[in-house]
N, C-alpha and C. Protein backbone atom coordinates (compact mmCIF):
# COMPACT_ATOMS: atom_id res chain seq x y z
N MET A 1 0.84 -1.20 0.00
CA MET A 1 0.00 0.00 0.00
C MET A 1 0.88 1.25 0.00
N ALA A 2 0.65 2.13 -0.96
CA ALA A 2 1.48 3.32 -1.10
C ALA A 2 1.20 4.33 0.01
N THR A 3 2.23 5.08 0.38
CA THR A 3 2.12 6.18 1.33
C THR A 3 2.86 7.38 0.76
N GLU A 4 2.56 8.57 1.29
CA GLU A 4 3.28 9.76 0.84
C GLU A 4 4.76 9.65 1.13
N VAL A 5 5.11 9.14 2.31
CA VAL A 5 6.52 8.97 2.67
C VAL A 5 7.20 7.99 1.73
N GLY A 6 6.51 6.90 1.41
CA GLY A 6 7.09 5.93 0.49
C GLY A 6 7.32 6.51 -0.89
N ILE A 7 6.36 7.29 -1.39
CA ILE A 7 6.52 7.92 -2.71
C ILE A 7 7.66 8.93 -2.68
N ALA A 8 7.75 9.70 -1.60
CA ALA A 8 8.84 10.67 -1.47
C ALA A 8 10.20 9.98 -1.48
N ASN A 9 10.32 8.90 -0.74
CA ASN A 9 11.60 8.18 -0.70
C ASN A 9 11.92 7.53 -2.04
N LEU A 10 10.90 7.05 -2.74
CA LEU A 10 11.13 6.49 -4.08
C LEU A 10 11.63 7.58 -5.02
N ALA A 11 11.06 8.78 -4.94
CA ALA A 11 11.51 9.89 -5.79
C ALA A 11 12.95 10.27 -5.47
N LEU A 12 13.29 10.32 -4.19
CA LEU A 12 14.66 10.65 -3.80
C LEU A 12 15.64 9.60 -4.32
N SER A 13 15.23 8.35 -4.27
CA SER A 13 16.12 7.29 -4.76
C SER A 13 16.35 7.42 -6.26
N ARG A 14 15.35 7.94 -6.99
CA ARG A 14 15.54 8.16 -8.44
C ARG A 14 16.66 9.16 -8.69
N LEU A 15 16.88 10.05 -7.72
CA LEU A 15 17.91 11.08 -7.86
C LEU A 15 19.23 10.65 -7.23
N GLY A 16 19.30 9.41 -6.78
CA GLY A 16 20.53 8.92 -6.15
C GLY A 16 20.74 9.44 -4.74
N GLN A 17 19.65 9.86 -4.08
CA GLN A 17 19.74 10.40 -2.73
C GLN A 17 19.39 9.32 -1.71
N LYS A 18 19.76 9.56 -0.47
CA LYS A 18 19.39 8.66 0.61
C LYS A 18 17.87 8.74 0.82
N ALA A 19 17.20 7.61 0.69
CA ALA A 19 15.74 7.58 0.80
C ALA A 19 15.35 7.25 2.24
N ASN A 20 15.53 8.23 3.11
CA ASN A 20 15.28 7.97 4.54
C ASN A 20 14.37 9.01 5.18
N VAL A 21 13.52 9.64 4.39
CA VAL A 21 12.53 10.57 4.94
C VAL A 21 11.54 9.76 5.77
N SER A 22 11.22 10.23 6.96
CA SER A 22 10.33 9.48 7.85
C SER A 22 8.98 10.15 8.05
N SER A 23 8.84 11.44 7.71
CA SER A 23 7.58 12.14 7.91
C SER A 23 7.51 13.36 7.00
N LEU A 24 6.31 13.58 6.44
CA LEU A 24 6.07 14.77 5.62
C LEU A 24 5.01 15.68 6.24
N SER A 25 4.22 15.18 7.14
CA SER A 25 3.14 15.97 7.76
C SER A 25 3.19 15.86 9.28
N PRO A 26 4.01 16.69 9.94
CA PRO A 26 4.85 17.73 9.35
C PRO A 26 6.17 17.15 8.85
N PRO A 27 6.92 17.91 8.03
CA PRO A 27 8.23 17.44 7.57
C PRO A 27 9.14 17.17 8.77
N GLU A 28 9.93 16.10 8.69
CA GLU A 28 10.72 15.66 9.83
C GLU A 28 11.94 16.52 10.12
N GLY A 29 12.22 17.51 9.29
CA GLY A 29 13.30 18.43 9.62
C GLY A 29 14.42 18.47 8.59
N SER A 30 14.58 17.42 7.79
CA SER A 30 15.63 17.41 6.79
C SER A 30 15.23 18.27 5.61
N ALA A 31 16.24 18.73 4.85
CA ALA A 31 15.96 19.52 3.66
C ALA A 31 15.17 18.71 2.64
N GLU A 32 15.48 17.41 2.53
CA GLU A 32 14.78 16.55 1.59
C GLU A 32 13.29 16.45 1.94
N ALA A 33 13.00 16.29 3.22
CA ALA A 33 11.60 16.21 3.64
C ALA A 33 10.86 17.52 3.37
N GLN A 34 11.54 18.64 3.61
CA GLN A 34 10.92 19.94 3.35
C GLN A 34 10.59 20.09 1.87
N HIS A 35 11.53 19.73 1.01
CA HIS A 35 11.30 19.83 -0.44
C HIS A 35 10.15 18.91 -0.87
N CYS A 36 10.14 17.68 -0.36
CA CYS A 36 9.08 16.73 -0.73
C CYS A 36 7.71 17.22 -0.28
N ALA A 37 7.64 17.80 0.92
CA ALA A 37 6.36 18.30 1.44
C ALA A 37 5.81 19.42 0.56
N VAL A 38 6.71 20.23 -0.01
CA VAL A 38 6.28 21.34 -0.88
C VAL A 38 5.85 20.84 -2.25
N TRP A 39 6.64 19.96 -2.84
CA TRP A 39 6.45 19.60 -4.24
C TRP A 39 5.52 18.42 -4.47
N LEU A 40 5.36 17.54 -3.49
CA LEU A 40 4.52 16.36 -3.70
C LEU A 40 3.08 16.72 -4.07
N PRO A 41 2.41 17.64 -3.35
CA PRO A 41 1.03 17.98 -3.75
C PRO A 41 0.94 18.56 -5.16
N MET A 42 1.92 19.36 -5.55
CA MET A 42 1.90 19.95 -6.89
C MET A 42 2.09 18.88 -7.96
N ALA A 43 3.05 17.98 -7.73
CA ALA A 43 3.30 16.90 -8.69
C ALA A 43 2.09 15.98 -8.77
N ARG A 44 1.49 15.68 -7.63
CA ARG A 44 0.30 14.81 -7.59
C ARG A 44 -0.85 15.40 -8.40
N ASP A 45 -1.16 16.67 -8.18
CA ASP A 45 -2.29 17.29 -8.88
C ASP A 45 -2.03 17.40 -10.37
N ALA A 46 -0.79 17.71 -10.74
CA ALA A 46 -0.46 17.77 -12.17
C ALA A 46 -0.65 16.42 -12.82
N LEU A 47 -0.21 15.37 -12.16
CA LEU A 47 -0.33 14.03 -12.73
C LEU A 47 -1.78 13.57 -12.78
N LEU A 48 -2.54 13.85 -11.75
CA LEU A 48 -3.97 13.50 -11.75
C LEU A 48 -4.68 14.14 -12.94
N SER A 49 -4.30 15.37 -13.28
CA SER A 49 -4.99 16.11 -14.33
C SER A 49 -4.68 15.60 -15.73
N LEU A 50 -3.62 14.80 -15.86
CA LEU A 50 -3.18 14.39 -17.19
C LEU A 50 -3.87 13.16 -17.75
N HIS A 51 -4.66 12.48 -16.92
CA HIS A 51 -5.23 11.21 -17.38
C HIS A 51 -6.52 10.93 -16.59
N THR A 52 -7.41 10.16 -17.18
CA THR A 52 -8.64 9.78 -16.47
C THR A 52 -8.37 8.54 -15.61
N TRP A 53 -7.58 8.74 -14.55
CA TRP A 53 -7.31 7.64 -13.62
C TRP A 53 -8.63 7.18 -13.02
N SER A 54 -8.87 5.88 -13.01
CA SER A 54 -10.17 5.37 -12.56
C SER A 54 -10.44 5.73 -11.10
N PHE A 55 -9.40 5.76 -10.26
CA PHE A 55 -9.60 6.05 -8.85
C PHE A 55 -9.93 7.53 -8.60
N ALA A 56 -9.76 8.37 -9.62
CA ALA A 56 -9.99 9.81 -9.46
C ALA A 56 -11.11 10.33 -10.34
N THR A 57 -11.74 9.47 -11.14
CA THR A 57 -12.79 9.88 -12.05
C THR A 57 -14.15 9.75 -11.36
N VAL A 58 -14.89 10.84 -11.33
CA VAL A 58 -16.13 10.93 -10.55
C VAL A 58 -17.26 11.44 -11.44
N ARG A 59 -18.49 10.99 -11.13
CA ARG A 59 -19.70 11.55 -11.75
C ARG A 59 -20.61 12.05 -10.64
N SER A 60 -21.16 13.22 -10.83
CA SER A 60 -22.04 13.80 -9.81
C SER A 60 -22.98 14.80 -10.47
N ARG A 61 -23.97 15.22 -9.70
CA ARG A 61 -24.86 16.28 -10.16
C ARG A 61 -24.45 17.57 -9.45
N PRO A 62 -23.87 18.51 -10.18
CA PRO A 62 -23.44 19.75 -9.54
C PRO A 62 -24.61 20.60 -9.10
N ALA A 63 -24.40 21.38 -8.07
CA ALA A 63 -25.46 22.26 -7.56
C ALA A 63 -25.66 23.44 -8.51
N GLU A 64 -26.93 23.73 -8.81
CA GLU A 64 -27.22 24.87 -9.68
C GLU A 64 -27.00 26.17 -8.93
N ARG A 65 -26.45 27.16 -9.61
CA ARG A 65 -26.14 28.44 -8.99
C ARG A 65 -27.10 29.52 -9.46
N ALA A 66 -27.48 30.39 -8.54
CA ALA A 66 -28.24 31.60 -8.89
C ALA A 66 -27.25 32.75 -8.95
N LEU A 67 -27.34 33.55 -10.00
CA LEU A 67 -26.40 34.65 -10.19
C LEU A 67 -27.08 35.99 -9.95
N SER A 68 -26.34 36.92 -9.38
CA SER A 68 -26.89 38.25 -9.13
C SER A 68 -27.08 39.03 -10.42
N ASP A 69 -26.30 38.68 -11.46
CA ASP A 69 -26.41 39.37 -12.74
C ASP A 69 -26.39 38.34 -13.87
N PRO A 70 -27.54 37.69 -14.14
CA PRO A 70 -27.59 36.64 -15.17
C PRO A 70 -27.21 37.13 -16.56
N ASP A 71 -27.37 38.42 -16.81
CA ASP A 71 -27.06 38.94 -18.14
C ASP A 71 -25.59 38.75 -18.51
N LEU A 72 -24.72 38.59 -17.51
CA LEU A 72 -23.31 38.36 -17.78
C LEU A 72 -23.09 37.04 -18.53
N TYR A 73 -24.02 36.11 -18.34
CA TYR A 73 -23.88 34.78 -18.93
C TYR A 73 -25.09 34.48 -19.82
N ALA A 74 -25.47 35.46 -20.61
CA ALA A 74 -26.72 35.37 -21.37
C ALA A 74 -26.73 34.23 -22.39
N GLU A 75 -25.56 33.81 -22.85
CA GLU A 75 -25.54 32.74 -23.87
C GLU A 75 -25.73 31.36 -23.27
N TRP A 76 -25.75 31.28 -21.94
CA TRP A 76 -25.91 29.99 -21.26
C TRP A 76 -27.22 29.98 -20.46
N SER A 77 -27.90 28.83 -20.46
CA SER A 77 -29.18 28.73 -19.76
C SER A 77 -29.03 28.28 -18.31
N TYR A 78 -27.94 27.57 -18.01
CA TYR A 78 -27.78 27.02 -16.67
C TYR A 78 -26.36 27.28 -16.17
N VAL A 79 -26.27 27.55 -14.87
CA VAL A 79 -24.99 27.79 -14.23
C VAL A 79 -24.90 26.86 -13.01
N TYR A 80 -23.81 26.10 -12.93
CA TYR A 80 -23.60 25.17 -11.83
C TYR A 80 -22.31 25.52 -11.09
N ALA A 81 -22.27 25.12 -9.82
CA ALA A 81 -21.06 25.31 -9.03
C ALA A 81 -20.09 24.17 -9.33
N ARG A 82 -18.85 24.52 -9.55
CA ARG A 82 -17.82 23.48 -9.75
C ARG A 82 -17.60 22.75 -8.43
N PRO A 83 -17.55 21.42 -8.43
CA PRO A 83 -17.37 20.68 -7.18
C PRO A 83 -16.05 21.00 -6.50
N ASN A 84 -16.04 20.88 -5.18
CA ASN A 84 -14.79 21.03 -4.44
C ASN A 84 -13.80 19.95 -4.89
N ASN A 85 -12.54 20.32 -4.91
CA ASN A 85 -11.46 19.39 -5.28
C ASN A 85 -11.54 18.91 -6.72
N CYS A 86 -12.23 19.65 -7.58
CA CYS A 86 -12.28 19.30 -9.00
C CYS A 86 -11.03 19.84 -9.69
N LEU A 87 -10.22 18.95 -10.24
CA LEU A 87 -9.01 19.35 -10.95
C LEU A 87 -9.25 19.55 -12.44
N ARG A 88 -10.17 18.80 -12.98
CA ARG A 88 -10.39 18.84 -14.43
C ARG A 88 -11.81 18.37 -14.74
N ILE A 89 -12.52 19.12 -15.54
CA ILE A 89 -13.85 18.73 -15.98
C ILE A 89 -13.72 17.93 -17.27
N LEU A 90 -14.26 16.72 -17.27
CA LEU A 90 -14.17 15.86 -18.44
C LEU A 90 -15.35 16.05 -19.38
N ALA A 91 -16.56 16.15 -18.81
CA ALA A 91 -17.74 16.26 -19.66
C ALA A 91 -18.94 16.72 -18.85
N VAL A 92 -19.85 17.39 -19.55
CA VAL A 92 -21.18 17.69 -19.02
C VAL A 92 -22.15 16.84 -19.82
N LEU A 93 -22.96 16.04 -19.11
CA LEU A 93 -23.84 15.08 -19.77
C LEU A 93 -25.29 15.34 -19.39
N PRO A 94 -26.23 15.08 -20.29
CA PRO A 94 -27.65 15.26 -19.96
C PRO A 94 -28.18 14.05 -19.19
N THR A 95 -29.20 14.26 -18.40
CA THR A 95 -29.87 13.15 -17.74
C THR A 95 -30.40 12.17 -18.78
N GLY A 96 -30.16 10.88 -18.56
CA GLY A 96 -30.62 9.87 -19.50
C GLY A 96 -29.71 9.67 -20.70
N TYR A 97 -28.48 10.18 -20.62
CA TYR A 97 -27.56 10.03 -21.76
C TYR A 97 -27.28 8.55 -22.03
N VAL A 98 -26.91 8.26 -23.27
CA VAL A 98 -26.63 6.88 -23.69
C VAL A 98 -25.14 6.67 -23.90
N ASN A 99 -24.49 7.64 -24.52
CA ASN A 99 -23.06 7.53 -24.84
C ASN A 99 -22.36 8.77 -24.29
N GLN A 100 -21.38 8.57 -23.40
CA GLN A 100 -20.75 9.70 -22.74
C GLN A 100 -19.92 10.56 -23.68
N ILE A 101 -19.54 10.02 -24.83
CA ILE A 101 -18.78 10.79 -25.81
C ILE A 101 -19.72 11.52 -26.76
N LEU A 102 -20.65 10.77 -27.36
CA LEU A 102 -21.55 11.38 -28.34
C LEU A 102 -22.55 12.33 -27.70
N ASP A 103 -22.91 12.08 -26.44
CA ASP A 103 -23.93 12.90 -25.78
C ASP A 103 -23.34 14.03 -24.94
N ALA A 104 -22.02 14.19 -24.94
CA ALA A 104 -21.40 15.27 -24.17
C ALA A 104 -21.88 16.62 -24.68
N GLN A 105 -22.16 17.53 -23.74
CA GLN A 105 -22.75 18.83 -24.06
C GLN A 105 -21.70 19.95 -24.00
N PRO A 106 -21.90 21.01 -24.78
CA PRO A 106 -20.98 22.16 -24.67
C PRO A 106 -21.05 22.78 -23.28
N PHE A 107 -19.91 23.26 -22.81
CA PHE A 107 -19.87 23.94 -21.51
C PHE A 107 -18.69 24.89 -21.49
N SER A 108 -18.71 25.76 -20.51
CA SER A 108 -17.59 26.67 -20.28
C SER A 108 -17.31 26.70 -18.79
N ALA A 109 -16.06 26.50 -18.42
CA ALA A 109 -15.64 26.60 -17.02
C ALA A 109 -15.06 27.99 -16.80
N GLU A 110 -15.66 28.75 -15.89
CA GLU A 110 -15.25 30.12 -15.66
C GLU A 110 -15.24 30.42 -14.16
N THR A 111 -14.73 31.59 -13.83
CA THR A 111 -14.69 32.04 -12.44
C THR A 111 -15.55 33.29 -12.30
N ALA A 112 -16.45 33.28 -11.33
CA ALA A 112 -17.31 34.44 -11.08
C ALA A 112 -16.51 35.57 -10.46
N GLU A 113 -17.09 36.74 -10.47
CA GLU A 113 -16.41 37.91 -9.92
C GLU A 113 -16.09 37.74 -8.44
N ASP A 114 -16.91 36.96 -7.72
CA ASP A 114 -16.67 36.74 -6.30
C ASP A 114 -15.63 35.64 -6.04
N GLY A 115 -15.07 35.07 -7.12
CA GLY A 115 -14.03 34.06 -6.98
C GLY A 115 -14.52 32.63 -7.03
N SER A 116 -15.82 32.40 -7.05
CA SER A 116 -16.35 31.05 -7.09
C SER A 116 -16.22 30.47 -8.50
N ASP A 117 -16.02 29.16 -8.58
CA ASP A 117 -15.83 28.47 -9.86
C ASP A 117 -17.17 28.01 -10.42
N LEU A 118 -17.41 28.29 -11.69
CA LEU A 118 -18.69 28.02 -12.32
C LEU A 118 -18.54 27.08 -13.50
N ILE A 119 -19.62 26.36 -13.79
CA ILE A 119 -19.74 25.57 -15.00
C ILE A 119 -20.99 26.08 -15.73
N LEU A 120 -20.80 26.59 -16.93
CA LEU A 120 -21.89 27.17 -17.71
C LEU A 120 -22.26 26.21 -18.83
N THR A 121 -23.56 25.96 -19.00
CA THR A 121 -24.02 25.02 -20.01
C THR A 121 -25.48 25.30 -20.33
N ASN A 122 -25.98 24.66 -21.37
CA ASN A 122 -27.40 24.75 -21.71
C ASN A 122 -28.15 23.47 -21.33
N THR A 123 -27.56 22.69 -20.45
CA THR A 123 -28.09 21.38 -20.09
C THR A 123 -28.78 21.41 -18.73
N PRO A 124 -30.07 21.15 -18.67
CA PRO A 124 -30.75 21.09 -17.37
C PRO A 124 -30.42 19.79 -16.65
N GLU A 125 -30.46 19.84 -15.30
CA GLU A 125 -30.20 18.65 -14.48
C GLU A 125 -28.96 17.90 -14.98
N ALA A 126 -27.89 18.65 -15.17
CA ALA A 126 -26.68 18.11 -15.78
C ALA A 126 -25.99 17.10 -14.87
N ILE A 127 -25.31 16.17 -15.51
CA ILE A 127 -24.42 15.23 -14.83
C ILE A 127 -23.00 15.63 -15.21
N LEU A 128 -22.14 15.74 -14.21
CA LEU A 128 -20.77 16.17 -14.45
C LEU A 128 -19.82 14.99 -14.29
N ARG A 129 -18.94 14.82 -15.25
CA ARG A 129 -17.86 13.82 -15.15
C ARG A 129 -16.57 14.60 -14.96
N TRP A 130 -15.80 14.26 -13.91
CA TRP A 130 -14.66 15.12 -13.56
C TRP A 130 -13.58 14.34 -12.84
N ILE A 131 -12.40 14.96 -12.77
CA ILE A 131 -11.26 14.39 -12.07
C ILE A 131 -11.15 15.04 -10.69
N LYS A 132 -11.11 14.21 -9.68
CA LYS A 132 -11.08 14.66 -8.29
C LYS A 132 -9.65 14.66 -7.75
N ARG A 133 -9.34 15.65 -6.92
CA ARG A 133 -8.07 15.64 -6.20
C ARG A 133 -8.12 14.53 -5.15
N VAL A 134 -7.30 13.53 -5.32
CA VAL A 134 -7.27 12.38 -4.40
C VAL A 134 -5.96 12.45 -3.61
N THR A 135 -6.07 12.57 -2.31
CA THR A 135 -4.88 12.75 -1.46
C THR A 135 -4.50 11.49 -0.70
N ASN A 136 -5.30 10.43 -0.81
CA ASN A 136 -5.02 9.19 -0.10
C ASN A 136 -4.22 8.24 -0.99
N PRO A 137 -2.92 8.07 -0.77
CA PRO A 137 -2.11 7.23 -1.65
C PRO A 137 -2.51 5.77 -1.64
N ALA A 138 -3.26 5.35 -0.63
CA ALA A 138 -3.65 3.94 -0.53
C ALA A 138 -4.51 3.50 -1.71
N VAL A 139 -5.18 4.45 -2.38
CA VAL A 139 -6.07 4.08 -3.49
C VAL A 139 -5.40 4.27 -4.86
N TYR A 140 -4.15 4.75 -4.88
CA TYR A 140 -3.47 4.98 -6.15
C TYR A 140 -3.18 3.65 -6.84
N SER A 141 -3.25 3.65 -8.16
CA SER A 141 -2.87 2.47 -8.93
C SER A 141 -1.35 2.36 -8.96
N PRO A 142 -0.82 1.15 -9.21
CA PRO A 142 0.64 0.98 -9.27
C PRO A 142 1.30 1.87 -10.32
N VAL A 143 0.66 2.02 -11.49
CA VAL A 143 1.26 2.88 -12.53
C VAL A 143 1.29 4.33 -12.06
N PHE A 144 0.23 4.77 -11.38
CA PHE A 144 0.20 6.14 -10.88
C PHE A 144 1.31 6.37 -9.86
N VAL A 145 1.53 5.41 -8.97
CA VAL A 145 2.59 5.55 -7.96
C VAL A 145 3.94 5.68 -8.65
N GLU A 146 4.21 4.84 -9.63
CA GLU A 146 5.47 4.92 -10.37
C GLU A 146 5.61 6.28 -11.05
N ALA A 147 4.55 6.69 -11.76
CA ALA A 147 4.60 7.97 -12.47
C ALA A 147 4.78 9.14 -11.51
N LEU A 148 4.10 9.09 -10.37
CA LEU A 148 4.22 10.18 -9.40
C LEU A 148 5.62 10.25 -8.83
N SER A 149 6.25 9.13 -8.60
CA SER A 149 7.62 9.16 -8.08
C SER A 149 8.57 9.84 -9.06
N PHE A 150 8.36 9.60 -10.36
CA PHE A 150 9.20 10.26 -11.37
C PHE A 150 8.83 11.74 -11.52
N MET A 151 7.54 12.05 -11.43
CA MET A 151 7.12 13.45 -11.50
C MET A 151 7.69 14.24 -10.33
N LEU A 152 7.65 13.64 -9.14
CA LEU A 152 8.22 14.30 -7.96
C LEU A 152 9.73 14.41 -8.08
N ALA A 153 10.39 13.37 -8.59
CA ALA A 153 11.84 13.43 -8.79
C ALA A 153 12.20 14.56 -9.74
N SER A 154 11.37 14.78 -10.77
CA SER A 154 11.59 15.88 -11.70
C SER A 154 11.55 17.22 -10.97
N ALA A 155 10.58 17.38 -10.07
CA ALA A 155 10.45 18.63 -9.33
C ALA A 155 11.58 18.82 -8.33
N LEU A 156 12.06 17.72 -7.76
CA LEU A 156 13.11 17.80 -6.73
C LEU A 156 14.50 17.97 -7.31
N ALA A 157 14.67 17.65 -8.59
CA ALA A 157 16.00 17.65 -9.18
C ALA A 157 16.68 19.01 -9.09
N GLY A 158 15.93 20.08 -9.34
CA GLY A 158 16.51 21.43 -9.29
C GLY A 158 17.02 21.80 -7.91
N PRO A 159 16.16 21.76 -6.88
CA PRO A 159 16.62 22.16 -5.55
C PRO A 159 17.63 21.22 -4.92
N ILE A 160 17.63 19.93 -5.33
CA ILE A 160 18.54 18.98 -4.69
C ILE A 160 19.84 18.83 -5.47
N LEU A 161 19.77 18.64 -6.78
CA LEU A 161 20.98 18.43 -7.58
C LEU A 161 21.57 19.74 -8.08
N LYS A 162 20.69 20.69 -8.42
CA LYS A 162 21.08 22.04 -8.85
C LYS A 162 21.83 22.04 -10.19
N GLY A 163 21.90 23.22 -10.78
CA GLY A 163 22.68 23.45 -11.98
C GLY A 163 22.27 22.60 -13.16
N GLU A 164 23.22 22.36 -14.06
CA GLU A 164 22.96 21.61 -15.28
C GLU A 164 22.56 20.17 -14.97
N GLU A 165 23.17 19.58 -13.95
CA GLU A 165 22.81 18.22 -13.56
C GLU A 165 21.33 18.15 -13.15
N GLY A 166 20.90 19.14 -12.38
CA GLY A 166 19.51 19.18 -11.96
C GLY A 166 18.56 19.37 -13.12
N ARG A 167 18.94 20.25 -14.05
CA ARG A 167 18.08 20.50 -15.21
C ARG A 167 17.91 19.25 -16.05
N LYS A 168 19.01 18.53 -16.30
CA LYS A 168 18.93 17.32 -17.11
C LYS A 168 18.12 16.24 -16.40
N ALA A 169 18.34 16.09 -15.11
CA ALA A 169 17.60 15.07 -14.36
C ALA A 169 16.11 15.41 -14.33
N ALA A 170 15.77 16.69 -14.19
CA ALA A 170 14.37 17.11 -14.16
C ALA A 170 13.67 16.72 -15.45
N LEU A 171 14.30 17.00 -16.58
CA LEU A 171 13.69 16.69 -17.87
C LEU A 171 13.61 15.18 -18.09
N GLU A 172 14.65 14.47 -17.72
CA GLU A 172 14.66 13.01 -17.89
C GLU A 172 13.53 12.35 -17.10
N HIS A 173 13.40 12.74 -15.83
CA HIS A 173 12.38 12.11 -15.00
C HIS A 173 10.98 12.55 -15.40
N TYR A 174 10.83 13.78 -15.86
CA TYR A 174 9.53 14.23 -16.36
C TYR A 174 9.12 13.41 -17.57
N ASN A 175 10.05 13.18 -18.48
CA ASN A 175 9.74 12.39 -19.67
C ASN A 175 9.37 10.96 -19.31
N THR A 176 10.03 10.41 -18.29
CA THR A 176 9.67 9.06 -17.85
C THR A 176 8.26 9.04 -17.28
N ALA A 177 7.92 10.06 -16.49
CA ALA A 177 6.56 10.15 -15.95
C ALA A 177 5.54 10.21 -17.07
N MET A 178 5.82 10.99 -18.12
CA MET A 178 4.90 11.11 -19.24
C MET A 178 4.78 9.80 -20.01
N SER A 179 5.87 9.04 -20.09
CA SER A 179 5.81 7.73 -20.74
C SER A 179 4.88 6.79 -19.99
N LEU A 180 4.91 6.87 -18.67
CA LEU A 180 4.02 6.04 -17.86
C LEU A 180 2.56 6.49 -18.00
N VAL A 181 2.33 7.80 -18.13
CA VAL A 181 0.98 8.29 -18.38
C VAL A 181 0.47 7.77 -19.72
N ASN A 182 1.32 7.79 -20.72
CA ASN A 182 0.93 7.27 -22.03
C ASN A 182 0.67 5.77 -21.98
N LEU A 183 1.43 5.07 -21.15
CA LEU A 183 1.19 3.64 -20.97
C LEU A 183 -0.18 3.41 -20.36
N ALA A 184 -0.51 4.19 -19.33
CA ALA A 184 -1.83 4.07 -18.71
C ALA A 184 -2.92 4.40 -19.70
N SER A 185 -2.69 5.39 -20.55
CA SER A 185 -3.68 5.77 -21.55
C SER A 185 -3.91 4.64 -22.55
N GLY A 186 -2.83 3.99 -22.96
CA GLY A 186 -2.96 2.88 -23.89
C GLY A 186 -3.70 1.71 -23.28
N GLN A 187 -3.48 1.47 -21.99
CA GLN A 187 -4.15 0.36 -21.31
C GLN A 187 -5.62 0.64 -21.07
N ASP A 188 -5.99 1.89 -21.08
CA ASP A 188 -7.36 2.27 -20.73
C ASP A 188 -7.94 3.19 -21.80
N ALA A 189 -7.71 2.84 -23.06
CA ALA A 189 -8.00 3.75 -24.16
C ALA A 189 -9.48 4.11 -24.27
N MET A 190 -10.36 3.26 -23.85
CA MET A 190 -11.78 3.54 -23.97
C MET A 190 -12.28 4.55 -22.94
N GLN A 191 -11.49 4.77 -21.89
CA GLN A 191 -11.94 5.65 -20.82
C GLN A 191 -11.04 6.86 -20.60
N SER A 192 -9.98 6.97 -21.35
CA SER A 192 -9.01 8.02 -21.04
C SER A 192 -8.71 8.89 -22.25
N ARG A 193 -8.36 10.13 -21.94
CA ARG A 193 -7.96 11.07 -22.98
C ARG A 193 -6.94 12.02 -22.37
N LEU A 194 -5.75 12.07 -22.95
CA LEU A 194 -4.71 12.91 -22.38
C LEU A 194 -4.95 14.38 -22.68
N LEU A 195 -4.56 15.24 -21.73
CA LEU A 195 -4.50 16.67 -22.00
C LEU A 195 -3.31 16.94 -22.91
N ASP A 196 -3.29 18.08 -23.54
CA ASP A 196 -2.11 18.49 -24.29
C ASP A 196 -0.91 18.48 -23.37
N GLN A 197 0.21 18.02 -23.89
CA GLN A 197 1.42 17.99 -23.09
C GLN A 197 1.84 19.42 -22.72
N TYR A 198 2.38 19.54 -21.54
CA TYR A 198 2.87 20.84 -21.12
C TYR A 198 4.04 20.62 -20.19
N LEU A 199 4.83 21.64 -20.00
CA LEU A 199 5.94 21.56 -19.07
C LEU A 199 5.54 22.25 -17.78
N PRO A 200 5.77 21.61 -16.63
CA PRO A 200 5.37 22.20 -15.35
C PRO A 200 6.28 23.35 -14.96
N VAL A 201 5.87 24.06 -13.92
CA VAL A 201 6.57 25.27 -13.52
C VAL A 201 8.02 25.02 -13.16
N TRP A 202 8.32 23.83 -12.61
CA TRP A 202 9.71 23.60 -12.18
C TRP A 202 10.65 23.38 -13.37
N LEU A 203 10.07 23.18 -14.58
CA LEU A 203 10.92 23.11 -15.78
C LEU A 203 10.92 24.44 -16.53
N THR A 204 9.76 25.07 -16.65
CA THR A 204 9.67 26.30 -17.43
C THR A 204 10.36 27.47 -16.76
N ASP A 205 10.52 27.43 -15.45
CA ASP A 205 11.15 28.54 -14.73
C ASP A 205 12.67 28.46 -14.72
N ARG A 206 13.23 27.42 -15.35
CA ARG A 206 14.70 27.31 -15.31
C ARG A 206 15.34 28.22 -16.35
């Protein structure tokens, strides 16, 4: 059963570091634990967003929102609240849908002036298919655990290895993580669709 500490130590081992972190919440005091505590949630959420992992894919009926100024969203008939911990919206579906691909409805994900997250659509009593932020490593699939260890190693490479060595290691481990995401996509082709590839902040800021 995977744990945050276990994933952190696996990532450190990818970088040739001593994998002896004992606690992340709170960090046990070492520089490695501090770095892992900062970067693990970011790496986890980025990886969750890249694929329709079965353990993180949810369907629900979002709560309908009343707006103080409906004219702002005049092209849409219905406004729903985005669920808490929603990382990525996969589809808006009508009640009684038959095919989740063919019956998917147009929508727009936006932020209201008060900061609340909205889903705009013309679909009444909509069903939302979405990716949830999952923080319990015990439910992660083996491929996700492997990919997350490489994604975290990519993020840790800069602060731990530094310089050109860190930059090369970051890119190498990121590419390995993406290869594992593509492997998961191939194994689950009927249920998954990758987002466009992108480079995370720890690579683009170098």
